[in-house]
Amino acid sequence: MNIICICCVIQVMHKKILTIGDSHSSDVHSHWGKINIEGLEIIAGHIGPKLAYTLGRGAISDMVIQQINNAKLKKDDLIIFCMGEIDCRCHVSDKSKGKDWRQVIREIVFPYLEKIKELTNNFSEVYVYNVTPTRNTPEQEVGEFPFRGEPQERREYTLYMNKIIMENCEKFGLKFFDIYSSIVCPEGFLNLSQADASIHVVDPLPAQEFLLKNVLI
């Protein structure tokens, strides 16, 4: 699959964006390295295959703080947290045996948002990236990226997690980075024409347009 490069270069005053999280924060695996806005520096703080659940429990706070310190950000530079896809693909189904999956997701999201706020309290522009749509892939444990739960179940997990994040970001002084409707197919799964061969969105246009219309204004 080939992604058409963005030819026009749009200029803004020099600003940094630090993405923090799993591979969806990466400038190699995800679209962040392909965004082309002159004057905008995107720093990818990929901390590995970490769960939103794990961040919410404070287990990887030191890794997040290190990424923030290394980036040398100003107060009004952007920080975007990109986590939750692994939770919806692997974690929620496991934790929902004998328990309401909606409650499982709420128990992930609220500590996740609270910890983000705690770790970024000195910054004014902190976003939570939407959980990307799941692939329409049957349940399987094969390979680097297991899929636990049937596709329709994972689709519901993802939609509900995004709903809870969106509804509660403002309560924590955070903002929601929402490009979900631009990267989903008509059946509600990841649009494969905008993705790599795995689980990552590589088309930079939706995120670039969101930045220009909602952030860099």
N, C-alpha and C. Protein backbone atom coordinates (compact mmCIF):
# COMPACT_ATOMS: atom_id res chain seq x y z
N MET A 1 0.84 -1.20 0.00
CA MET A 1 0.00 0.00 0.00
C MET A 1 0.87 1.24 0.00
N ASN A 2 0.53 2.18 -0.86
CA ASN A 2 1.29 3.42 -0.95
C ASN A 2 0.45 4.57 -0.42
N ILE A 3 1.05 5.38 0.43
CA ILE A 3 0.39 6.59 0.93
C ILE A 3 0.95 7.78 0.15
N ILE A 4 0.06 8.58 -0.40
CA ILE A 4 0.50 9.75 -1.16
C ILE A 4 1.07 10.79 -0.20
N CYS A 5 2.25 11.27 -0.50
CA CYS A 5 2.89 12.27 0.35
C CYS A 5 2.17 13.61 0.22
N ILE A 6 2.19 14.37 1.29
CA ILE A 6 1.58 15.69 1.28
C ILE A 6 2.56 16.66 0.62
N CYS A 7 2.14 17.28 -0.45
CA CYS A 7 3.05 18.12 -1.22
C CYS A 7 3.14 19.54 -0.67
N CYS A 8 2.01 20.06 -0.23
CA CYS A 8 2.05 21.42 0.26
C CYS A 8 2.65 21.46 1.66
N VAL A 9 3.45 22.46 1.90
CA VAL A 9 4.06 22.64 3.21
C VAL A 9 3.42 23.85 3.87
N ILE A 10 2.84 23.64 5.03
CA ILE A 10 2.15 24.70 5.74
C ILE A 10 3.04 25.14 6.89
N GLN A 11 3.14 26.45 7.09
CA GLN A 11 4.08 26.97 8.07
C GLN A 11 3.36 27.51 9.30
N VAL A 12 3.91 27.19 10.45
CA VAL A 12 3.43 27.76 11.70
C VAL A 12 4.65 28.27 12.46
N MET A 13 4.42 29.06 13.48
CA MET A 13 5.52 29.46 14.34
C MET A 13 6.09 28.21 15.00
N HIS A 14 7.39 28.22 15.31
CA HIS A 14 8.03 27.01 15.81
C HIS A 14 7.32 26.48 17.06
N LYS A 15 6.96 25.22 16.98
CA LYS A 15 6.25 24.58 18.07
C LYS A 15 6.64 23.12 18.09
N LYS A 16 6.63 22.54 19.29
CA LYS A 16 6.94 21.13 19.44
C LYS A 16 5.69 20.34 19.81
N ILE A 17 5.66 19.12 19.30
CA ILE A 17 4.68 18.14 19.76
C ILE A 17 5.46 16.93 20.25
N LEU A 18 5.15 16.50 21.46
CA LEU A 18 5.70 15.26 21.99
C LEU A 18 4.58 14.23 22.04
N THR A 19 4.74 13.15 21.30
CA THR A 19 3.80 12.03 21.41
C THR A 19 4.38 11.02 22.40
N ILE A 20 3.54 10.49 23.26
CA ILE A 20 4.00 9.53 24.27
C ILE A 20 3.07 8.32 24.26
N GLY A 21 3.67 7.13 24.22
CA GLY A 21 2.82 5.95 24.33
C GLY A 21 3.37 4.73 23.64
N ASP A 22 2.43 3.88 23.21
CA ASP A 22 2.79 2.64 22.54
C ASP A 22 3.18 2.94 21.09
N SER A 23 3.15 1.95 20.21
CA SER A 23 3.63 2.15 18.84
C SER A 23 2.80 3.15 18.04
N HIS A 24 1.60 3.48 18.52
CA HIS A 24 0.79 4.50 17.85
C HIS A 24 1.34 5.91 18.09
N SER A 25 2.32 6.03 18.97
CA SER A 25 3.01 7.31 19.17
C SER A 25 4.30 7.39 18.37
N SER A 26 4.64 6.34 17.66
CA SER A 26 5.93 6.24 16.99
C SER A 26 5.96 7.03 15.68
N ASP A 27 7.11 7.59 15.36
CA ASP A 27 7.28 8.25 14.07
C ASP A 27 7.69 7.26 12.99
N VAL A 28 7.91 6.01 13.36
CA VAL A 28 8.26 4.95 12.41
C VAL A 28 7.03 4.11 12.08
N HIS A 29 6.35 3.62 13.11
CA HIS A 29 5.22 2.73 12.91
C HIS A 29 3.94 3.47 12.55
N SER A 30 3.75 4.66 13.09
CA SER A 30 2.52 5.42 12.89
C SER A 30 2.76 6.60 11.96
N HIS A 31 1.76 7.47 11.85
CA HIS A 31 1.78 8.56 10.86
C HIS A 31 2.56 9.79 11.30
N TRP A 32 2.97 9.85 12.57
CA TRP A 32 3.54 11.10 13.09
C TRP A 32 4.78 11.55 12.31
N GLY A 33 5.58 10.61 11.84
CA GLY A 33 6.79 10.98 11.11
C GLY A 33 6.54 11.47 9.70
N LYS A 34 5.30 11.39 9.23
CA LYS A 34 4.97 11.79 7.86
C LYS A 34 4.25 13.14 7.80
N ILE A 35 3.93 13.72 8.94
CA ILE A 35 3.25 15.01 8.96
C ILE A 35 4.24 16.11 8.54
N ASN A 36 3.79 16.98 7.67
CA ASN A 36 4.68 17.96 7.06
C ASN A 36 4.12 19.37 7.25
N ILE A 37 4.44 19.97 8.39
CA ILE A 37 4.04 21.34 8.68
C ILE A 37 5.30 22.10 9.07
N GLU A 38 5.71 23.05 8.25
CA GLU A 38 6.95 23.77 8.50
C GLU A 38 6.86 24.52 9.82
N GLY A 39 7.90 24.41 10.61
CA GLY A 39 7.94 25.06 11.91
C GLY A 39 7.43 24.18 13.04
N LEU A 40 6.88 23.02 12.69
CA LEU A 40 6.39 22.09 13.69
C LEU A 40 7.37 20.94 13.85
N GLU A 41 7.85 20.74 15.06
CA GLU A 41 8.77 19.64 15.36
C GLU A 41 8.02 18.58 16.16
N ILE A 42 7.95 17.38 15.60
CA ILE A 42 7.26 16.29 16.28
C ILE A 42 8.31 15.33 16.85
N ILE A 43 8.26 15.14 18.16
CA ILE A 43 9.18 14.26 18.87
C ILE A 43 8.40 13.03 19.31
N ALA A 44 8.83 11.87 18.87
CA ALA A 44 8.12 10.64 19.18
C ALA A 44 8.69 10.02 20.46
N GLY A 45 7.85 9.96 21.48
CA GLY A 45 8.26 9.36 22.75
C GLY A 45 7.70 7.96 22.89
N HIS A 46 8.12 7.08 21.99
CA HIS A 46 7.63 5.70 21.99
C HIS A 46 8.24 4.95 23.16
N ILE A 47 7.42 4.54 24.11
CA ILE A 47 7.94 3.87 25.31
C ILE A 47 7.70 2.37 25.30
N GLY A 48 7.28 1.84 24.15
CA GLY A 48 7.09 0.40 24.04
C GLY A 48 5.63 -0.01 24.14
N PRO A 49 5.36 -1.32 24.09
CA PRO A 49 3.98 -1.83 24.08
C PRO A 49 3.34 -1.75 25.47
N LYS A 50 3.01 -0.55 25.88
CA LYS A 50 2.48 -0.31 27.22
C LYS A 50 0.97 -0.08 27.18
N LEU A 51 0.32 -0.49 28.24
CA LEU A 51 -1.13 -0.33 28.37
C LEU A 51 -1.49 1.01 29.00
N ALA A 52 -2.65 1.55 28.61
CA ALA A 52 -3.23 2.67 29.34
C ALA A 52 -3.47 2.26 30.79
N TYR A 53 -3.86 1.01 30.98
CA TYR A 53 -4.07 0.46 32.32
C TYR A 53 -2.80 0.60 33.17
N THR A 54 -1.65 0.29 32.57
CA THR A 54 -0.38 0.33 33.29
C THR A 54 0.00 1.75 33.66
N LEU A 55 -0.19 2.69 32.73
CA LEU A 55 0.09 4.09 33.05
C LEU A 55 -0.81 4.57 34.17
N GLY A 56 -2.08 4.19 34.12
CA GLY A 56 -3.02 4.62 35.14
C GLY A 56 -2.66 4.14 36.53
N ARG A 57 -1.95 3.02 36.61
CA ARG A 57 -1.52 2.49 37.91
C ARG A 57 -0.18 3.06 38.34
N GLY A 58 0.41 3.94 37.55
CA GLY A 58 1.64 4.63 37.93
C GLY A 58 2.91 3.82 37.70
N ALA A 59 2.79 2.68 37.03
CA ALA A 59 3.94 1.79 36.91
C ALA A 59 4.99 2.28 35.92
N ILE A 60 4.59 3.18 35.01
CA ILE A 60 5.55 3.66 34.01
C ILE A 60 5.67 5.19 34.04
N SER A 61 5.35 5.77 35.17
CA SER A 61 5.44 7.24 35.31
C SER A 61 6.85 7.75 35.03
N ASP A 62 7.85 7.03 35.52
CA ASP A 62 9.23 7.47 35.32
C ASP A 62 9.59 7.54 33.84
N MET A 63 9.08 6.60 33.05
CA MET A 63 9.35 6.61 31.61
C MET A 63 8.72 7.83 30.94
N VAL A 64 7.52 8.17 31.36
CA VAL A 64 6.83 9.34 30.81
C VAL A 64 7.57 10.62 31.19
N ILE A 65 7.94 10.74 32.44
CA ILE A 65 8.66 11.94 32.90
C ILE A 65 9.97 12.09 32.15
N GLN A 66 10.66 11.00 31.90
CA GLN A 66 11.92 11.06 31.17
C GLN A 66 11.70 11.58 29.75
N GLN A 67 10.65 11.12 29.09
CA GLN A 67 10.36 11.61 27.74
C GLN A 67 10.05 13.11 27.74
N ILE A 68 9.29 13.56 28.73
CA ILE A 68 8.95 14.98 28.82
C ILE A 68 10.20 15.81 29.07
N ASN A 69 11.03 15.38 29.99
CA ASN A 69 12.26 16.12 30.30
C ASN A 69 13.20 16.16 29.10
N ASN A 70 13.33 15.05 28.40
CA ASN A 70 14.23 14.99 27.25
C ASN A 70 13.79 15.90 26.11
N ALA A 71 12.48 16.13 26.00
CA ALA A 71 11.95 16.92 24.89
C ALA A 71 12.16 18.42 25.07
N LYS A 72 12.44 18.86 26.31
CA LYS A 72 12.68 20.28 26.59
C LYS A 72 11.53 21.15 26.04
N LEU A 73 10.35 20.89 26.52
CA LEU A 73 9.15 21.55 26.03
C LEU A 73 8.91 22.89 26.73
N LYS A 74 8.25 23.78 26.02
CA LYS A 74 7.70 24.99 26.63
C LYS A 74 6.30 24.66 27.17
N LYS A 75 5.79 25.54 28.00
CA LYS A 75 4.50 25.31 28.64
C LYS A 75 3.38 25.09 27.63
N ASP A 76 3.44 25.81 26.49
CA ASP A 76 2.36 25.72 25.51
C ASP A 76 2.67 24.79 24.34
N ASP A 77 3.78 24.03 24.42
CA ASP A 77 3.99 22.96 23.46
C ASP A 77 2.99 21.83 23.73
N LEU A 78 2.79 20.99 22.73
CA LEU A 78 1.77 19.95 22.84
C LEU A 78 2.36 18.64 23.34
N ILE A 79 1.59 17.95 24.17
CA ILE A 79 1.88 16.56 24.53
C ILE A 79 0.65 15.75 24.15
N ILE A 80 0.86 14.67 23.41
CA ILE A 80 -0.25 13.82 22.97
C ILE A 80 0.00 12.40 23.45
N PHE A 81 -0.89 11.89 24.28
CA PHE A 81 -0.78 10.52 24.79
C PHE A 81 -1.51 9.56 23.86
N CYS A 82 -0.79 8.55 23.40
CA CYS A 82 -1.32 7.60 22.43
C CYS A 82 -1.28 6.19 23.01
N MET A 83 -2.33 5.83 23.73
CA MET A 83 -2.39 4.51 24.35
C MET A 83 -3.84 4.04 24.31
N GLY A 84 -4.05 2.77 24.64
CA GLY A 84 -5.40 2.22 24.72
C GLY A 84 -5.71 1.17 23.67
N GLU A 85 -5.00 1.21 22.53
CA GLU A 85 -5.28 0.20 21.49
C GLU A 85 -4.96 -1.20 21.97
N ILE A 86 -3.85 -1.36 22.69
CA ILE A 86 -3.48 -2.69 23.19
C ILE A 86 -4.48 -3.14 24.24
N ASP A 87 -4.95 -2.20 25.07
CA ASP A 87 -5.96 -2.54 26.07
C ASP A 87 -7.18 -3.14 25.40
N CYS A 88 -7.67 -2.48 24.32
CA CYS A 88 -8.88 -2.94 23.64
C CYS A 88 -8.65 -4.22 22.85
N ARG A 89 -7.45 -4.42 22.35
CA ARG A 89 -7.16 -5.60 21.54
C ARG A 89 -6.86 -6.82 22.40
N CYS A 90 -6.30 -6.64 23.59
CA CYS A 90 -5.81 -7.77 24.38
C CYS A 90 -6.36 -7.82 25.81
N HIS A 91 -6.46 -6.67 26.44
CA HIS A 91 -6.63 -6.63 27.88
C HIS A 91 -8.10 -6.72 28.32
N VAL A 92 -8.99 -6.01 27.64
CA VAL A 92 -10.38 -5.91 28.08
C VAL A 92 -11.06 -7.27 28.05
N SER A 93 -10.86 -8.03 27.00
CA SER A 93 -11.49 -9.35 26.89
C SER A 93 -11.05 -10.26 28.03
N ASP A 94 -9.76 -10.24 28.35
CA ASP A 94 -9.25 -11.08 29.43
C ASP A 94 -9.85 -10.69 30.77
N LYS A 95 -9.95 -9.39 31.02
CA LYS A 95 -10.42 -8.89 32.32
C LYS A 95 -11.95 -8.92 32.45
N SER A 96 -12.65 -9.21 31.34
CA SER A 96 -14.11 -9.16 31.37
C SER A 96 -14.77 -10.50 31.67
N LYS A 97 -13.98 -11.50 31.89
CA LYS A 97 -14.56 -12.82 32.20
C LYS A 97 -15.22 -12.74 33.58
N GLY A 98 -16.56 -12.80 33.59
CA GLY A 98 -17.29 -12.69 34.84
C GLY A 98 -17.49 -11.27 35.31
N LYS A 99 -17.20 -10.28 34.44
CA LYS A 99 -17.30 -8.88 34.83
C LYS A 99 -17.77 -8.06 33.63
N ASP A 100 -18.54 -7.03 33.86
CA ASP A 100 -19.03 -6.17 32.79
C ASP A 100 -17.86 -5.47 32.10
N TRP A 101 -17.74 -5.64 30.79
CA TRP A 101 -16.61 -5.05 30.07
C TRP A 101 -16.63 -3.53 30.11
N ARG A 102 -17.81 -2.94 30.23
CA ARG A 102 -17.87 -1.47 30.33
C ARG A 102 -17.22 -0.99 31.62
N GLN A 103 -17.44 -1.72 32.69
CA GLN A 103 -16.81 -1.37 33.95
C GLN A 103 -15.29 -1.54 33.87
N VAL A 104 -14.85 -2.59 33.19
CA VAL A 104 -13.42 -2.80 32.98
C VAL A 104 -12.81 -1.59 32.26
N ILE A 105 -13.48 -1.11 31.24
CA ILE A 105 -12.96 0.04 30.48
C ILE A 105 -12.96 1.30 31.33
N ARG A 106 -14.01 1.52 32.08
CA ARG A 106 -14.03 2.71 32.96
C ARG A 106 -12.89 2.66 33.98
N GLU A 107 -12.59 1.46 34.46
CA GLU A 107 -11.51 1.30 35.44
C GLU A 107 -10.14 1.48 34.80
N ILE A 108 -10.07 1.43 33.48
CA ILE A 108 -8.84 1.76 32.76
C ILE A 108 -8.77 3.27 32.52
N VAL A 109 -9.85 3.84 32.02
CA VAL A 109 -9.83 5.22 31.52
C VAL A 109 -9.64 6.25 32.63
N PHE A 110 -10.37 6.14 33.72
CA PHE A 110 -10.30 7.21 34.72
C PHE A 110 -8.92 7.31 35.37
N PRO A 111 -8.30 6.21 35.79
CA PRO A 111 -6.93 6.34 36.30
C PRO A 111 -5.94 6.81 35.23
N TYR A 112 -6.15 6.41 33.98
CA TYR A 112 -5.31 6.83 32.86
C TYR A 112 -5.35 8.35 32.71
N LEU A 113 -6.54 8.93 32.67
CA LEU A 113 -6.67 10.38 32.54
C LEU A 113 -6.12 11.10 33.77
N GLU A 114 -6.40 10.56 34.93
CA GLU A 114 -5.91 11.19 36.17
C GLU A 114 -4.39 11.21 36.21
N LYS A 115 -3.76 10.12 35.79
CA LYS A 115 -2.29 10.06 35.80
C LYS A 115 -1.70 11.00 34.75
N ILE A 116 -2.32 11.08 33.59
CA ILE A 116 -1.85 12.03 32.58
C ILE A 116 -1.86 13.45 33.14
N LYS A 117 -2.96 13.82 33.77
CA LYS A 117 -3.06 15.16 34.35
C LYS A 117 -1.98 15.39 35.40
N GLU A 118 -1.76 14.41 36.23
CA GLU A 118 -0.74 14.53 37.29
C GLU A 118 0.64 14.74 36.70
N LEU A 119 0.96 14.02 35.64
CA LEU A 119 2.31 14.06 35.07
C LEU A 119 2.54 15.27 34.17
N THR A 120 1.47 15.94 33.75
CA THR A 120 1.62 17.06 32.81
C THR A 120 1.03 18.35 33.36
N ASN A 121 0.96 18.46 34.65
CA ASN A 121 0.26 19.58 35.28
C ASN A 121 0.86 20.93 34.92
N ASN A 122 2.12 20.96 34.50
CA ASN A 122 2.79 22.22 34.16
C ASN A 122 2.61 22.62 32.71
N PHE A 123 1.82 21.85 31.95
CA PHE A 123 1.65 22.11 30.52
C PHE A 123 0.18 22.41 30.21
N SER A 124 -0.04 23.30 29.25
CA SER A 124 -1.40 23.78 28.98
C SER A 124 -2.08 23.08 27.81
N GLU A 125 -1.30 22.40 26.97
CA GLU A 125 -1.86 21.79 25.76
C GLU A 125 -1.58 20.28 25.77
N VAL A 126 -2.41 19.55 26.49
CA VAL A 126 -2.21 18.10 26.62
C VAL A 126 -3.42 17.38 26.01
N TYR A 127 -3.13 16.51 25.08
CA TYR A 127 -4.18 15.79 24.34
C TYR A 127 -4.11 14.29 24.63
N VAL A 128 -5.27 13.67 24.51
CA VAL A 128 -5.37 12.21 24.54
C VAL A 128 -5.82 11.77 23.15
N TYR A 129 -4.99 11.03 22.48
CA TYR A 129 -5.26 10.54 21.12
C TYR A 129 -6.32 9.46 21.18
N ASN A 130 -7.24 9.50 20.21
CA ASN A 130 -8.26 8.45 20.17
C ASN A 130 -7.63 7.06 20.04
N VAL A 131 -8.28 6.08 20.64
CA VAL A 131 -7.88 4.70 20.41
C VAL A 131 -8.24 4.38 18.96
N THR A 132 -7.29 3.90 18.19
CA THR A 132 -7.53 3.66 16.77
C THR A 132 -8.47 2.46 16.57
N PRO A 133 -9.20 2.44 15.46
CA PRO A 133 -10.12 1.33 15.20
C PRO A 133 -9.37 -0.01 15.17
N THR A 134 -10.04 -1.04 15.63
CA THR A 134 -9.45 -2.37 15.58
C THR A 134 -9.55 -2.94 14.16
N ARG A 135 -8.66 -3.84 13.82
CA ARG A 135 -8.73 -4.54 12.54
C ARG A 135 -9.83 -5.59 12.59
N ASN A 136 -10.41 -5.85 11.44
CA ASN A 136 -11.41 -6.92 11.33
C ASN A 136 -10.69 -8.26 11.19
N THR A 137 -10.04 -8.65 12.29
CA THR A 137 -9.22 -9.86 12.34
C THR A 137 -9.80 -10.81 13.37
N PRO A 138 -9.98 -12.09 13.03
CA PRO A 138 -10.53 -13.04 14.01
C PRO A 138 -9.65 -13.16 15.24
N GLU A 139 -10.24 -13.65 16.31
CA GLU A 139 -9.48 -13.86 17.54
C GLU A 139 -8.32 -14.81 17.27
N GLN A 140 -7.12 -14.43 17.70
CA GLN A 140 -5.94 -15.25 17.47
C GLN A 140 -4.81 -14.83 18.39
N GLU A 141 -3.92 -15.77 18.66
CA GLU A 141 -2.76 -15.52 19.52
C GLU A 141 -1.46 -15.59 18.73
N VAL A 142 -1.56 -15.74 17.42
CA VAL A 142 -0.38 -15.93 16.59
C VAL A 142 0.32 -14.60 16.35
N GLY A 143 1.64 -14.62 16.39
CA GLY A 143 2.43 -13.46 15.99
C GLY A 143 2.62 -12.45 17.09
N GLU A 144 3.16 -11.29 16.69
CA GLU A 144 3.53 -10.23 17.63
C GLU A 144 2.33 -9.51 18.20
N PHE A 145 1.21 -9.51 17.45
CA PHE A 145 0.04 -8.74 17.86
C PHE A 145 -1.16 -9.66 18.04
N PRO A 146 -1.38 -10.20 19.24
CA PRO A 146 -2.55 -11.05 19.46
C PRO A 146 -3.85 -10.25 19.41
N PHE A 147 -4.93 -10.92 19.01
CA PHE A 147 -6.26 -10.32 18.99
C PHE A 147 -7.15 -11.18 19.88
N ARG A 148 -7.59 -10.63 20.99
CA ARG A 148 -8.40 -11.38 21.95
C ARG A 148 -9.82 -10.82 21.94
N GLY A 149 -10.77 -11.69 21.74
CA GLY A 149 -12.15 -11.27 21.51
C GLY A 149 -12.42 -11.18 20.03
N GLU A 150 -13.67 -11.43 19.65
CA GLU A 150 -14.03 -11.36 18.23
C GLU A 150 -14.01 -9.91 17.75
N PRO A 151 -13.88 -9.69 16.44
CA PRO A 151 -13.76 -8.32 15.92
C PRO A 151 -14.89 -7.40 16.38
N GLN A 152 -16.12 -7.90 16.37
CA GLN A 152 -17.25 -7.06 16.77
C GLN A 152 -17.16 -6.66 18.24
N GLU A 153 -16.64 -7.56 19.07
CA GLU A 153 -16.45 -7.23 20.48
C GLU A 153 -15.39 -6.15 20.63
N ARG A 154 -14.25 -6.32 19.96
CA ARG A 154 -13.17 -5.33 20.06
C ARG A 154 -13.60 -3.97 19.50
N ARG A 155 -14.45 -4.00 18.47
CA ARG A 155 -14.99 -2.75 17.93
C ARG A 155 -15.80 -2.02 18.99
N GLU A 156 -16.61 -2.76 19.73
CA GLU A 156 -17.41 -2.13 20.80
C GLU A 156 -16.53 -1.64 21.94
N TYR A 157 -15.50 -2.39 22.28
CA TYR A 157 -14.57 -1.94 23.32
C TYR A 157 -13.95 -0.60 22.93
N THR A 158 -13.51 -0.51 21.67
CA THR A 158 -12.81 0.69 21.20
C THR A 158 -13.75 1.89 21.17
N LEU A 159 -14.94 1.69 20.66
CA LEU A 159 -15.92 2.79 20.62
C LEU A 159 -16.24 3.29 22.02
N TYR A 160 -16.42 2.36 22.93
CA TYR A 160 -16.80 2.76 24.29
C TYR A 160 -15.63 3.45 25.00
N MET A 161 -14.41 2.95 24.82
CA MET A 161 -13.27 3.60 25.46
C MET A 161 -13.11 5.03 24.93
N ASN A 162 -13.25 5.21 23.63
CA ASN A 162 -13.17 6.57 23.08
C ASN A 162 -14.28 7.46 23.61
N LYS A 163 -15.47 6.91 23.77
CA LYS A 163 -16.59 7.68 24.30
C LYS A 163 -16.29 8.17 25.72
N ILE A 164 -15.79 7.28 26.55
CA ILE A 164 -15.50 7.64 27.94
C ILE A 164 -14.35 8.65 28.01
N ILE A 165 -13.33 8.46 27.17
CA ILE A 165 -12.23 9.43 27.12
C ILE A 165 -12.75 10.80 26.69
N MET A 166 -13.51 10.83 25.60
CA MET A 166 -14.02 12.10 25.08
C MET A 166 -14.88 12.83 26.11
N GLU A 167 -15.75 12.08 26.78
CA GLU A 167 -16.67 12.70 27.73
C GLU A 167 -15.98 13.22 28.99
N ASN A 168 -14.77 12.73 29.27
CA ASN A 168 -14.14 13.06 30.55
C ASN A 168 -12.84 13.83 30.44
N CYS A 169 -12.32 14.04 29.24
CA CYS A 169 -11.06 14.78 29.10
C CYS A 169 -11.15 16.16 29.76
N GLU A 170 -12.21 16.88 29.48
CA GLU A 170 -12.31 18.25 29.98
C GLU A 170 -12.29 18.30 31.51
N LYS A 171 -12.85 17.29 32.16
CA LYS A 171 -12.87 17.26 33.62
C LYS A 171 -11.47 17.22 34.20
N PHE A 172 -10.53 16.69 33.42
CA PHE A 172 -9.14 16.57 33.87
C PHE A 172 -8.25 17.65 33.24
N GLY A 173 -8.86 18.61 32.57
CA GLY A 173 -8.07 19.67 31.93
C GLY A 173 -7.33 19.19 30.70
N LEU A 174 -7.83 18.15 30.06
CA LEU A 174 -7.20 17.56 28.88
C LEU A 174 -8.08 17.79 27.65
N LYS A 175 -7.52 17.51 26.47
CA LYS A 175 -8.26 17.64 25.22
C LYS A 175 -8.19 16.31 24.46
N PHE A 176 -9.19 16.11 23.61
CA PHE A 176 -9.32 14.84 22.89
C PHE A 176 -8.87 15.04 21.45
N PHE A 177 -7.89 14.24 21.03
CA PHE A 177 -7.38 14.29 19.65
C PHE A 177 -8.16 13.24 18.86
N ASP A 178 -9.17 13.69 18.13
CA ASP A 178 -10.15 12.76 17.57
C ASP A 178 -10.12 12.76 16.05
N ILE A 179 -9.52 11.71 15.46
CA ILE A 179 -9.57 11.52 14.01
C ILE A 179 -10.24 10.19 13.67
N TYR A 180 -10.94 9.62 14.63
CA TYR A 180 -11.49 8.26 14.48
C TYR A 180 -12.35 8.12 13.22
N SER A 181 -13.26 9.09 13.01
CA SER A 181 -14.18 8.97 11.88
C SER A 181 -13.47 9.05 10.53
N SER A 182 -12.24 9.54 10.52
CA SER A 182 -11.48 9.67 9.28
C SER A 182 -10.61 8.46 8.97
N ILE A 183 -10.56 7.49 9.89
CA ILE A 183 -9.67 6.33 9.70
C ILE A 183 -10.42 5.00 9.86
N VAL A 184 -11.75 5.06 9.81
CA VAL A 184 -12.56 3.87 10.02
C VAL A 184 -13.29 3.53 8.72
N CYS A 185 -13.45 2.26 8.45
CA CYS A 185 -14.17 1.82 7.25
C CYS A 185 -15.68 1.80 7.53
N PRO A 186 -16.51 1.63 6.52
CA PRO A 186 -17.97 1.64 6.74
C PRO A 186 -18.45 0.58 7.73
N GLU A 187 -17.72 -0.51 7.90
CA GLU A 187 -18.12 -1.56 8.83
C GLU A 187 -17.65 -1.28 10.26
N GLY A 188 -16.93 -0.19 10.46
CA GLY A 188 -16.50 0.20 11.80
C GLY A 188 -15.15 -0.33 12.22
N PHE A 189 -14.37 -0.82 11.27
CA PHE A 189 -13.03 -1.32 11.58
C PHE A 189 -11.97 -0.41 10.96
N LEU A 190 -10.71 -0.70 11.26
CA LEU A 190 -9.61 0.10 10.72
C LEU A 190 -9.66 0.10 9.20
N ASN A 191 -9.59 1.28 8.61
CA ASN A 191 -9.56 1.42 7.16
C ASN A 191 -8.19 0.97 6.65
N LEU A 192 -8.15 -0.18 6.00
CA LEU A 192 -6.86 -0.77 5.63
C LEU A 192 -6.12 0.04 4.57
N SER A 193 -6.84 0.87 3.83
CA SER A 193 -6.16 1.71 2.83
C SER A 193 -5.34 2.82 3.48
N GLN A 194 -5.55 3.05 4.79
CA GLN A 194 -4.80 4.07 5.53
C GLN A 194 -3.85 3.47 6.55
N ALA A 195 -3.70 2.15 6.51
CA ALA A 195 -2.93 1.45 7.53
C ALA A 195 -1.76 0.68 6.94
N ASP A 196 -0.86 0.26 7.83
CA ASP A 196 0.20 -0.64 7.41
C ASP A 196 -0.34 -2.07 7.40
N ALA A 197 0.53 -3.02 7.28
CA ALA A 197 0.08 -4.42 7.24
C ALA A 197 -0.29 -4.94 8.61
N SER A 198 -0.14 -4.12 9.62
CA SER A 198 -0.41 -4.54 10.99
C SER A 198 -1.61 -3.78 11.55
N ILE A 199 -1.40 -2.90 12.52
CA ILE A 199 -2.49 -2.25 13.25
C ILE A 199 -2.36 -0.73 13.28
N HIS A 200 -1.43 -0.17 12.52
CA HIS A 200 -1.10 1.25 12.65
C HIS A 200 -1.64 2.09 11.51
N VAL A 201 -2.13 3.26 11.85
CA VAL A 201 -2.52 4.25 10.85
C VAL A 201 -1.25 4.94 10.34
N VAL A 202 -1.05 4.90 9.03
CA VAL A 202 0.14 5.52 8.46
C VAL A 202 -0.20 6.70 7.55
N ASP A 203 -1.45 6.88 7.22
CA ASP A 203 -1.88 8.02 6.43
C ASP A 203 -1.79 9.28 7.31
N PRO A 204 -0.96 10.27 6.95
CA PRO A 204 -0.78 11.44 7.81
C PRO A 204 -1.88 12.50 7.67
N LEU A 205 -2.69 12.41 6.62
CA LEU A 205 -3.63 13.49 6.35
C LEU A 205 -4.65 13.74 7.46
N PRO A 206 -5.31 12.73 8.03
CA PRO A 206 -6.29 13.03 9.08
C PRO A 206 -5.68 13.76 10.28
N ALA A 207 -4.51 13.32 10.75
CA ALA A 207 -3.89 13.98 11.91
C ALA A 207 -3.40 15.38 11.53
N GLN A 208 -2.85 15.54 10.33
CA GLN A 208 -2.38 16.86 9.92
C GLN A 208 -3.56 17.83 9.83
N GLU A 209 -4.66 17.38 9.25
CA GLU A 209 -5.82 18.26 9.13
C GLU A 209 -6.38 18.61 10.52
N PHE A 210 -6.39 17.65 11.43
CA PHE A 210 -6.87 17.94 12.78
C PHE A 210 -5.99 18.99 13.44
N LEU A 211 -4.68 18.85 13.30
CA LEU A 211 -3.77 19.82 13.88
C LEU A 211 -4.02 21.22 13.33
N LEU A 212 -4.19 21.32 12.04
CA LEU A 212 -4.35 22.63 11.42
C LEU A 212 -5.69 23.27 11.75
N LYS A 213 -6.73 22.47 11.88
CA LYS A 213 -8.07 23.01 12.10
C LYS A 213 -8.40 23.23 13.57
N ASN A 214 -7.77 22.43 14.46
CA ASN A 214 -8.19 22.44 15.85
C ASN A 214 -7.09 22.83 16.85
N VAL A 215 -5.84 22.76 16.44
CA VAL A 215 -4.74 22.94 17.40
C VAL A 215 -3.87 24.13 17.03
N LEU A 216 -3.36 24.16 15.82
CA LEU A 216 -2.41 25.18 15.40
C LEU A 216 -3.15 26.36 14.77
N ILE A 217 -4.02 26.97 15.56
CA ILE A 217 -4.82 28.07 15.04
C ILE A 217 -4.61 29.31 15.93
